[in-house]
Amino acid sequence: MSEGDFVKFLGTAGARFVVMKQLRSSGGLWISLGGTNVYMDPGPGALVRCLSSRPKLNPSSLDGILLSHRHLDHSGDINVMIEAMTDGGFRKRGVLFAPRDALEDDPVVLRYVRTYLEGIEVLREHTEYRLGNIRFSTTERHIHSVETYGFNFSLAIGEVSFLTDTKFFSELPDLYPGEILIVSVVRHKPMEDGQRIEHLTVEDVKRVIGKTQPKLTVLTHFGMTMIRAKPWDVAKSLEEEMGLRVIAARDGMTLELAF
């Protein structure tokens, strides 16, 4: 692993109410591997969070933007981040990786900013992609209301998995083999009326990590029920119950990628 490989959490908000109230920031993730920088899921406030980060993150140093799906809590700042990455379009730069429906059906990426990019890669399931020193692959398409993929990033000494929004399904744990698992857990418990919304709960996370046994699990993308349950307490309880290392991400947290 190259020195300085990290994930910066520029937002840990999940679902509409936490985002609307900005109880947690919703800027997404900055991933730096081997000197290559990619922004994952630039939700509302991504640009502001970059520029207010300590140390400051310069969007014009980005090599690409990665979109797991087109919901606004993941894509709200995608156009302004493309502009910032390309110096307002004056410097053709960067590659956008996005599902097809984010570009075609009900596009969240404006057509004029697409001309600023060096390239656009349409995501497909179980496909490997490269960007500079970064190599990652998509998972099977998730069960979500729009086209959605998770990601596995390959490093020289291991994998880092990003499990994004989805309804739990039996094959899900097998899609995420990473020694480090970063998982979106919107709900603390299932809906009281038994309805299964298309987001993971703490019980779903138990089923995933109980099978995959990652060296580190990082909880993020919290909805209101998780905020009320205090994510750091949830992480501690999971750690004690599962006998695995589990932490809750904080806004502005930097995770050094060491195994």
C-alpha atoms as a PDB file:
ATOM      1  CA  MET A   1       0.000   0.000   0.000  1.00  0.00           C
ATOM      2  CA  SER A   2       1.306   3.431  -0.898  1.00  0.00           C
ATOM      3  CA  GLU A   3       1.901   5.932   1.869  1.00  0.00           C
ATOM      4  CA  GLY A   4      -1.067   8.204   2.380  1.00  0.00           C
ATOM      5  CA  ASP A   5      -3.837   5.861   1.197  1.00  0.00           C
ATOM      6  CA  PHE A   6      -7.031   6.969   2.938  1.00  0.00           C
ATOM      7  CA  VAL A   7     -10.782   7.464   2.867  1.00  0.00           C
ATOM      8  CA  LYS A   8     -12.076  10.835   4.063  1.00  0.00           C
ATOM      9  CA  PHE A   9     -15.698  10.922   5.246  1.00  0.00           C
ATOM     10  CA  LEU A  10     -17.094  14.244   4.055  1.00  0.00           C
ATOM     11  CA  GLY A  11     -20.563  13.169   5.067  1.00  0.00           C
ATOM     12  CA  THR A  12     -22.181  10.402   7.103  1.00  0.00           C
ATOM     13  CA  ALA A  13     -25.831  11.346   6.528  1.00  0.00           C
ATOM     14  CA  GLY A  14     -28.168   8.824   5.003  1.00  0.00           C
ATOM     15  CA  ALA A  15     -31.749   9.185   3.781  1.00  0.00           C
ATOM     16  CA  ARG A  16     -33.755  12.309   3.255  1.00  0.00           C
ATOM     17  CA  PHE A  17     -34.503  13.632   6.744  1.00  0.00           C
ATOM     18  CA  VAL A  18     -30.949  13.595   8.085  1.00  0.00           C
ATOM     19  CA  VAL A  19     -29.808  15.185   4.817  1.00  0.00           C
ATOM     20  CA  MET A  20     -32.570  17.834   4.768  1.00  0.00           C
ATOM     21  CA  LYS A  21     -31.882  18.839   8.356  1.00  0.00           C
ATOM     22  CA  GLN A  22     -28.107  18.413   7.940  1.00  0.00           C
ATOM     23  CA  LEU A  23     -27.943  16.575  11.258  1.00  0.00           C
ATOM     24  CA  ARG A  24     -24.918  14.962   9.634  1.00  0.00           C
ATOM     25  CA  SER A  25     -23.064  16.234   6.587  1.00  0.00           C
ATOM     26  CA  SER A  26     -23.891  14.607   3.249  1.00  0.00           C
ATOM     27  CA  GLY A  27     -20.751  15.259   1.219  1.00  0.00           C
ATOM     28  CA  GLY A  28     -19.799  11.661   0.447  1.00  0.00           C
ATOM     29  CA  LEU A  29     -16.319  10.127   0.384  1.00  0.00           C
ATOM     30  CA  TRP A  30     -12.893  11.187  -0.886  1.00  0.00           C
ATOM     31  CA  ILE A  31     -10.751   8.124  -1.670  1.00  0.00           C
ATOM     32  CA  SER A  32      -6.998   8.426  -2.245  1.00  0.00           C
ATOM     33  CA  LEU A  33      -4.980   5.382  -3.337  1.00  0.00           C
ATOM     34  CA  GLY A  34      -1.443   5.484  -4.661  1.00  0.00           C
ATOM     35  CA  GLY A  35      -1.732   9.173  -5.440  1.00  0.00           C
ATOM     36  CA  THR A  36      -4.956   8.758  -7.435  1.00  0.00           C
ATOM     37  CA  ASN A  37      -7.998  10.601  -6.056  1.00  0.00           C
ATOM     38  CA  VAL A  38     -11.616   9.708  -6.664  1.00  0.00           C
ATOM     39  CA  TYR A  39     -14.760  11.201  -5.129  1.00  0.00           C
ATOM     40  CA  MET A  40     -17.544   8.757  -4.331  1.00  0.00           C
ATOM     41  CA  ASP A  41     -21.168   9.872  -4.093  1.00  0.00           C
ATOM     42  CA  PRO A  42     -20.904  13.689  -3.897  1.00  0.00           C
ATOM     43  CA  GLY A  43     -24.145  14.447  -2.079  1.00  0.00           C
ATOM     44  CA  PRO A  44     -25.387  17.903  -1.024  1.00  0.00           C
ATOM     45  CA  GLY A  45     -22.555  19.992   0.388  1.00  0.00           C
ATOM     46  CA  ALA A  46     -19.697  18.018  -1.175  1.00  0.00           C
ATOM     47  CA  LEU A  47     -17.876  21.058  -2.534  1.00  0.00           C
ATOM     48  CA  VAL A  48     -18.231  23.038   0.696  1.00  0.00           C
ATOM     49  CA  ARG A  49     -16.991  20.069   2.738  1.00  0.00           C
ATOM     50  CA  CYS A  50     -13.932  19.679   0.514  1.00  0.00           C
ATOM     51  CA  LEU A  51     -12.954  23.308   0.882  1.00  0.00           C
ATOM     52  CA  SER A  52     -13.623  23.427   4.630  1.00  0.00           C
ATOM     53  CA  SER A  53     -11.807  20.150   5.304  1.00  0.00           C
ATOM     54  CA  ARG A  54      -8.677  20.188   7.458  1.00  0.00           C
ATOM     55  CA  PRO A  55      -6.399  19.815   5.656  1.00  0.00           C
ATOM     56  CA  LYS A  56      -8.284  21.289   2.691  1.00  0.00           C
ATOM     57  CA  LEU A  57      -9.060  18.949  -0.202  1.00  0.00           C
ATOM     58  CA  ASN A  58      -8.589  20.492  -3.642  1.00  0.00           C
ATOM     59  CA  PRO A  59     -11.267  19.285  -6.103  1.00  0.00           C
ATOM     60  CA  SER A  60      -9.019  20.152  -9.060  1.00  0.00           C
ATOM     61  CA  SER A  61      -6.709  17.330  -7.909  1.00  0.00           C
ATOM     62  CA  LEU A  62      -9.443  14.743  -8.445  1.00  0.00           C
ATOM     63  CA  ASP A  63      -8.916  12.122 -11.131  1.00  0.00           C
ATOM     64  CA  GLY A  64     -12.509  10.959 -11.213  1.00  0.00           C
ATOM     65  CA  ILE A  65     -15.956  10.789  -9.643  1.00  0.00           C
ATOM     66  CA  LEU A  66     -17.751   7.552  -8.791  1.00  0.00           C
ATOM     67  CA  LEU A  67     -21.520   7.393  -8.387  1.00  0.00           C
ATOM     68  CA  SER A  68     -23.161   4.351  -6.795  1.00  0.00           C
ATOM     69  CA  HIS A  69     -26.668   5.552  -7.719  1.00  0.00           C
ATOM     70  CA  ARG A  70     -28.568   8.693  -8.600  1.00  0.00           C
ATOM     71  CA  HIS A  71     -30.512   9.435  -5.421  1.00  0.00           C
ATOM     72  CA  LEU A  72     -29.940  13.016  -4.323  1.00  0.00           C
ATOM     73  CA  ASP A  73     -28.226  12.180  -1.027  1.00  0.00           C
ATOM     74  CA  HIS A  74     -25.522  10.590  -3.209  1.00  0.00           C
ATOM     75  CA  SER A  75     -25.542  12.837  -6.267  1.00  0.00           C
ATOM     76  CA  GLY A  76     -26.752  16.295  -5.245  1.00  0.00           C
ATOM     77  CA  ASP A  77     -23.388  18.002  -5.855  1.00  0.00           C
ATOM     78  CA  ILE A  78     -22.185  15.888  -8.759  1.00  0.00           C
ATOM     79  CA  ASN A  79     -22.406  18.699 -11.337  1.00  0.00           C
ATOM     80  CA  VAL A  80     -20.597  21.306  -9.267  1.00  0.00           C
ATOM     81  CA  MET A  81     -17.923  18.744  -8.387  1.00  0.00           C
ATOM     82  CA  ILE A  82     -17.369  18.037 -12.097  1.00  0.00           C
ATOM     83  CA  GLU A  83     -17.006  21.780 -12.641  1.00  0.00           C
ATOM     84  CA  ALA A  84     -14.584  22.070  -9.717  1.00  0.00           C
ATOM     85  CA  MET A  85     -12.555  19.051 -10.881  1.00  0.00           C
ATOM     86  CA  THR A  86     -12.177  20.590 -14.350  1.00  0.00           C
ATOM     87  CA  ASP A  87     -11.550  24.204 -13.279  1.00  0.00           C
ATOM     88  CA  GLY A  88     -14.954  25.279 -14.514  1.00  0.00           C
ATOM     89  CA  GLY A  89     -14.566  23.321 -17.730  1.00  0.00           C
ATOM     90  CA  PHE A  90     -11.396  25.120 -18.803  1.00  0.00           C
ATOM     91  CA  ARG A  91      -9.269  22.029 -18.176  1.00  0.00           C
ATOM     92  CA  LYS A  92     -10.621  18.807 -19.628  1.00  0.00           C
ATOM     93  CA  ARG A  93     -10.026  16.339 -16.850  1.00  0.00           C
ATOM     94  CA  GLY A  94     -11.270  13.294 -15.007  1.00  0.00           C
ATOM     95  CA  VAL A  95     -13.485  10.291 -15.604  1.00  0.00           C
ATOM     96  CA  LEU A  96     -17.051   9.884 -14.377  1.00  0.00           C
ATOM     97  CA  PHE A  97     -18.227   6.376 -13.432  1.00  0.00           C
ATOM     98  CA  ALA A  98     -22.012   6.207 -13.117  1.00  0.00           C
ATOM     99  CA  PRO A  99     -24.975   3.864 -13.662  1.00  0.00           C
ATOM    100  CA  ARG A 100     -26.773   4.213 -16.965  1.00  0.00           C
ATOM    101  CA  ASP A 101     -29.979   5.581 -15.445  1.00  0.00           C
ATOM    102  CA  ALA A 102     -28.032   8.456 -13.865  1.00  0.00           C
ATOM    103  CA  LEU A 103     -27.114   9.513 -17.396  1.00  0.00           C
ATOM    104  CA  GLU A 104     -30.139   8.553 -19.472  1.00  0.00           C
ATOM    105  CA  ASP A 105     -33.508   7.759 -17.867  1.00  0.00           C
ATOM    106  CA  ASP A 106     -33.789  10.680 -15.461  1.00  0.00           C
ATOM    107  CA  PRO A 107     -30.278  12.126 -15.627  1.00  0.00           C
ATOM    108  CA  VAL A 108     -28.664  13.759 -12.627  1.00  0.00           C
ATOM    109  CA  VAL A 109     -25.516  14.656 -14.602  1.00  0.00           C
ATOM    110  CA  LEU A 110     -26.148  17.729 -16.758  1.00  0.00           C
ATOM    111  CA  ARG A 111     -25.215  17.312 -20.396  1.00  0.00           C
ATOM    112  CA  TYR A 112     -23.127  20.445 -20.648  1.00  0.00           C
ATOM    113  CA  VAL A 113     -20.762  19.412 -17.829  1.00  0.00           C
ATOM    114  CA  ARG A 114     -20.187  16.029 -19.477  1.00  0.00           C
ATOM    115  CA  THR A 115     -18.165  17.782 -22.179  1.00  0.00           C
ATOM    116  CA  TYR A 116     -15.675  18.891 -19.505  1.00  0.00           C
ATOM    117  CA  LEU A 117     -14.699  15.293 -18.721  1.00  0.00           C
ATOM    118  CA  GLU A 118     -11.989  13.169 -20.296  1.00  0.00           C
ATOM    119  CA  GLY A 119     -14.333  10.227 -20.247  1.00  0.00           C
ATOM    120  CA  ILE A 120     -17.541   8.649 -18.958  1.00  0.00           C
ATOM    121  CA  GLU A 121     -17.718   4.987 -17.959  1.00  0.00           C
ATOM    122  CA  VAL A 122     -21.184   3.452 -17.670  1.00  0.00           C
ATOM    123  CA  LEU A 123     -21.196   1.038 -14.743  1.00  0.00           C
ATOM    124  CA  ARG A 124     -22.238  -2.570 -15.224  1.00  0.00           C
ATOM    125  CA  GLU A 125     -22.440  -5.317 -12.656  1.00  0.00           C
ATOM    126  CA  HIS A 126     -19.445  -7.572 -11.968  1.00  0.00           C
ATOM    127  CA  THR A 127     -17.093  -5.412 -14.045  1.00  0.00           C
ATOM    128  CA  GLU A 128     -13.570  -4.207 -13.255  1.00  0.00           C
ATOM    129  CA  TYR A 129     -12.493  -0.609 -13.836  1.00  0.00           C
ATOM    130  CA  ARG A 130      -9.196   1.281 -13.596  1.00  0.00           C
ATOM    131  CA  LEU A 131      -8.419   4.908 -12.918  1.00  0.00           C
ATOM    132  CA  GLY A 132      -4.745   5.790 -12.541  1.00  0.00           C
ATOM    133  CA  ASN A 133      -3.467   3.687  -9.644  1.00  0.00           C
ATOM    134  CA  ILE A 134      -6.956   2.682  -8.548  1.00  0.00           C
ATOM    135  CA  ARG A 135      -8.518  -0.635  -9.520  1.00  0.00           C
ATOM    136  CA  PHE A 136     -12.074  -1.447  -8.448  1.00  0.00           C
ATOM    137  CA  SER A 137     -14.960  -3.693  -9.443  1.00  0.00           C
ATOM    138  CA  THR A 138     -18.718  -3.413  -9.231  1.00  0.00           C
ATOM    139  CA  THR A 139     -20.941  -5.850  -7.421  1.00  0.00           C
ATOM    140  CA  GLU A 140     -24.151  -7.411  -8.610  1.00  0.00           C
ATOM    141  CA  ARG A 141     -26.908  -4.828  -9.054  1.00  0.00           C
ATOM    142  CA  HIS A 142     -28.529  -4.113  -5.704  1.00  0.00           C
ATOM    143  CA  ILE A 143     -32.188  -4.215  -4.748  1.00  0.00           C
ATOM    144  CA  HIS A 144     -32.934  -0.508  -4.660  1.00  0.00           C
ATOM    145  CA  SER A 145     -35.414   1.778  -6.380  1.00  0.00           C
ATOM    146  CA  VAL A 146     -32.807   2.967  -8.901  1.00  0.00           C
ATOM    147  CA  GLU A 147     -29.822   1.287 -10.566  1.00  0.00           C
ATOM    148  CA  THR A 148     -27.334   0.789  -7.747  1.00  0.00           C
ATOM    149  CA  TYR A 149     -23.914  -0.865  -7.371  1.00  0.00           C
ATOM    150  CA  GLY A 150     -21.459  -1.386  -4.550  1.00  0.00           C
ATOM    151  CA  PHE A 151     -17.692  -1.468  -5.028  1.00  0.00           C
ATOM    152  CA  ASN A 152     -14.614  -3.456  -4.103  1.00  0.00           C
ATOM    153  CA  PHE A 153     -11.281  -1.639  -4.322  1.00  0.00           C
ATOM    154  CA  SER A 154      -8.174  -3.773  -4.809  1.00  0.00           C
ATOM    155  CA  LEU A 155      -4.979  -2.815  -3.008  1.00  0.00           C
ATOM    156  CA  ALA A 156      -1.684  -4.675  -3.102  1.00  0.00           C
ATOM    157  CA  ILE A 157      -2.285  -6.232   0.314  1.00  0.00           C
ATOM    158  CA  GLY A 158      -6.064  -6.510   0.451  1.00  0.00           C
ATOM    159  CA  GLU A 159      -9.487  -5.225  -0.531  1.00  0.00           C
ATOM    160  CA  VAL A 160     -11.663  -2.380   0.698  1.00  0.00           C
ATOM    161  CA  SER A 161     -15.397  -2.874   0.164  1.00  0.00           C
ATOM    162  CA  PHE A 162     -18.080  -0.178  -0.015  1.00  0.00           C
ATOM    163  CA  LEU A 163     -21.558  -1.587   0.647  1.00  0.00           C
ATOM    164  CA  THR A 164     -24.086   1.045  -0.376  1.00  0.00           C
ATOM    165  CA  ASP A 165     -27.884   1.278  -0.173  1.00  0.00           C
ATOM    166  CA  THR A 166     -29.820  -1.911  -0.775  1.00  0.00           C
ATOM    167  CA  LYS A 167     -32.433  -4.233   0.596  1.00  0.00           C
ATOM    168  CA  PHE A 168     -30.760  -7.272   2.132  1.00  0.00           C
ATOM    169  CA  PHE A 169     -30.682 -10.390  -0.045  1.00  0.00           C
ATOM    170  CA  SER A 170     -29.055 -13.740   0.606  1.00  0.00           C
ATOM    171  CA  GLU A 171     -26.171 -13.283  -1.849  1.00  0.00           C
ATOM    172  CA  LEU A 172     -25.218  -9.872  -0.463  1.00  0.00           C
ATOM    173  CA  PRO A 173     -22.438 -10.963   1.958  1.00  0.00           C
ATOM    174  CA  ASP A 174     -20.623 -12.848  -0.791  1.00  0.00           C
ATOM    175  CA  LEU A 175     -20.351  -9.667  -2.873  1.00  0.00           C
ATOM    176  CA  TYR A 176     -18.151  -7.900  -0.307  1.00  0.00           C
ATOM    177  CA  PRO A 177     -14.929  -9.782   0.519  1.00  0.00           C
ATOM    178  CA  GLY A 178     -12.965  -6.755   1.736  1.00  0.00           C
ATOM    179  CA  GLU A 179     -10.751  -6.874   4.810  1.00  0.00           C
ATOM    180  CA  ILE A 180     -12.143  -3.388   5.414  1.00  0.00           C
ATOM    181  CA  LEU A 181     -15.905  -3.004   4.938  1.00  0.00           C
ATOM    182  CA  ILE A 182     -17.517   0.432   4.795  1.00  0.00           C
ATOM    183  CA  VAL A 183     -21.262  -0.116   5.035  1.00  0.00           C
ATOM    184  CA  SER A 184     -24.286   2.161   4.698  1.00  0.00           C
ATOM    185  CA  VAL A 185     -26.670   1.395   7.560  1.00  0.00           C
ATOM    186  CA  VAL A 186     -29.647   3.731   7.341  1.00  0.00           C
ATOM    187  CA  ARG A 187     -31.979   2.097   9.846  1.00  0.00           C
ATOM    188  CA  HIS A 188     -31.390   0.884  13.374  1.00  0.00           C
ATOM    189  CA  LYS A 189     -34.245  -1.633  13.236  1.00  0.00           C
ATOM    190  CA  PRO A 190     -36.782  -2.757  10.617  1.00  0.00           C
ATOM    191  CA  MET A 191     -39.976  -0.763  10.173  1.00  0.00           C
ATOM    192  CA  GLU A 192     -42.483  -1.429  12.962  1.00  0.00           C
ATOM    193  CA  ASP A 193     -45.201  -2.351  10.482  1.00  0.00           C
ATOM    194  CA  GLY A 194     -42.952  -5.052   9.043  1.00  0.00           C
ATOM    195  CA  GLN A 195     -42.423  -3.192   5.795  1.00  0.00           C
ATOM    196  CA  ARG A 196     -39.008  -3.842   4.281  1.00  0.00           C
ATOM    197  CA  ILE A 197     -37.570  -0.635   2.938  1.00  0.00           C
ATOM    198  CA  GLU A 198     -34.651  -0.904   0.564  1.00  0.00           C
ATOM    199  CA  HIS A 199     -31.972  -0.014   3.129  1.00  0.00           C
ATOM    200  CA  LEU A 200     -29.898  -2.046   5.552  1.00  0.00           C
ATOM    201  CA  THR A 201     -30.536  -2.352   9.282  1.00  0.00           C
ATOM    202  CA  VAL A 202     -28.142  -3.287  12.078  1.00  0.00           C
ATOM    203  CA  GLU A 203     -29.415  -6.882  11.928  1.00  0.00           C
ATOM    204  CA  ASP A 204     -28.556  -6.955   8.225  1.00  0.00           C
ATOM    205  CA  VAL A 205     -25.037  -5.743   9.009  1.00  0.00           C
ATOM    206  CA  LYS A 206     -24.687  -8.593  11.522  1.00  0.00           C
ATOM    207  CA  ARG A 207     -25.587 -11.093   8.827  1.00  0.00           C
ATOM    208  CA  VAL A 208     -23.013  -9.628   6.448  1.00  0.00           C
ATOM    209  CA  ILE A 209     -20.053  -9.360   8.803  1.00  0.00           C
ATOM    210  CA  GLY A 210     -20.907 -12.624  10.563  1.00  0.00           C
ATOM    211  CA  LYS A 211     -20.225 -14.366   7.270  1.00  0.00           C
ATOM    212  CA  THR A 212     -17.425 -12.230   5.809  1.00  0.00           C
ATOM    213  CA  GLN A 213     -15.476 -11.557   9.044  1.00  0.00           C
ATOM    214  CA  PRO A 214     -13.780  -8.305   7.945  1.00  0.00           C
ATOM    215  CA  LYS A 215     -10.830  -7.013   9.948  1.00  0.00           C
ATOM    216  CA  LEU A 216     -12.603  -3.667  10.274  1.00  0.00           C
ATOM    217  CA  THR A 217     -16.207  -2.601   9.680  1.00  0.00           C
ATOM    218  CA  VAL A 218     -17.028   1.103   9.416  1.00  0.00           C
ATOM    219  CA  LEU A 219     -20.678   2.111   9.792  1.00  0.00           C
ATOM    220  CA  THR A 220     -21.847   5.202   7.914  1.00  0.00           C
ATOM    221  CA  HIS A 221     -24.773   6.774   6.023  1.00  0.00           C
ATOM    222  CA  PHE A 222     -27.055   7.068   9.037  1.00  0.00           C
ATOM    223  CA  GLY A 223     -30.785   7.706   8.959  1.00  0.00           C
ATOM    224  CA  MET A 224     -32.825   9.179  11.806  1.00  0.00           C
ATOM    225  CA  THR A 225     -33.239   5.927  13.741  1.00  0.00           C
ATOM    226  CA  MET A 226     -29.489   5.359  13.693  1.00  0.00           C
ATOM    227  CA  ILE A 227     -28.821   8.940  14.815  1.00  0.00           C
ATOM    228  CA  ARG A 228     -31.209   8.478  17.735  1.00  0.00           C
ATOM    229  CA  ALA A 229     -29.560   5.163  18.652  1.00  0.00           C
ATOM    230  CA  LYS A 230     -26.123   6.896  18.687  1.00  0.00           C
ATOM    231  CA  PRO A 231     -23.950   5.241  16.012  1.00  0.00           C
ATOM    232  CA  TRP A 232     -20.922   4.982  18.313  1.00  0.00           C
ATOM    233  CA  ASP A 233     -23.001   2.967  20.805  1.00  0.00           C
ATOM    234  CA  VAL A 234     -24.344   0.760  18.012  1.00  0.00           C
ATOM    235  CA  ALA A 235     -20.787   0.125  16.809  1.00  0.00           C
ATOM    236  CA  LYS A 236     -19.623  -0.757  20.325  1.00  0.00           C
ATOM    237  CA  SER A 237     -22.508  -3.193  20.808  1.00  0.00           C
ATOM    238  CA  LEU A 238     -21.809  -4.829  17.455  1.00  0.00           C
ATOM    239  CA  GLU A 239     -18.125  -5.143  18.305  1.00  0.00           C
ATOM    240  CA  GLU A 240     -18.885  -6.836  21.609  1.00  0.00           C
ATOM    241  CA  GLU A 241     -21.523  -9.152  20.166  1.00  0.00           C
ATOM    242  CA  MET A 242     -19.677 -10.181  17.006  1.00  0.00           C
ATOM    243  CA  GLY A 243     -16.113 -10.212  18.343  1.00  0.00           C
ATOM    244  CA  LEU A 244     -15.058  -8.089  15.383  1.00  0.00           C
ATOM    245  CA  ARG A 245     -13.683  -4.550  15.179  1.00  0.00           C
ATOM    246  CA  VAL A 246     -16.509  -2.109  14.359  1.00  0.00           C
ATOM    247  CA  ILE A 247     -16.439   1.692  14.412  1.00  0.00           C
ATOM    248  CA  ALA A 248     -18.904   4.435  13.459  1.00  0.00           C
ATOM    249  CA  ALA A 249     -17.722   7.055  10.984  1.00  0.00           C
ATOM    250  CA  ARG A 250     -17.799  10.718  11.958  1.00  0.00           C
ATOM    251  CA  ASP A 251     -18.100  13.721   9.671  1.00  0.00           C
ATOM    252  CA  GLY A 252     -14.579  14.728   8.685  1.00  0.00           C
ATOM    253  CA  MET A 253     -13.021  11.440   9.798  1.00  0.00           C
ATOM    254  CA  THR A 254      -9.974  10.181   7.914  1.00  0.00           C
ATOM    255  CA  LEU A 255      -9.579   6.408   7.731  1.00  0.00           C
ATOM    256  CA  GLU A 256      -6.015   5.376   7.000  1.00  0.00           C
ATOM    257  CA  LEU A 257      -6.127   2.240   4.905  1.00  0.00           C
ATOM    258  CA  ALA A 258      -3.951  -0.131   6.886  1.00  0.00           C
ATOM    259  CA  PHE A 259      -4.767  -3.817   7.361  1.00  0.00           C
END
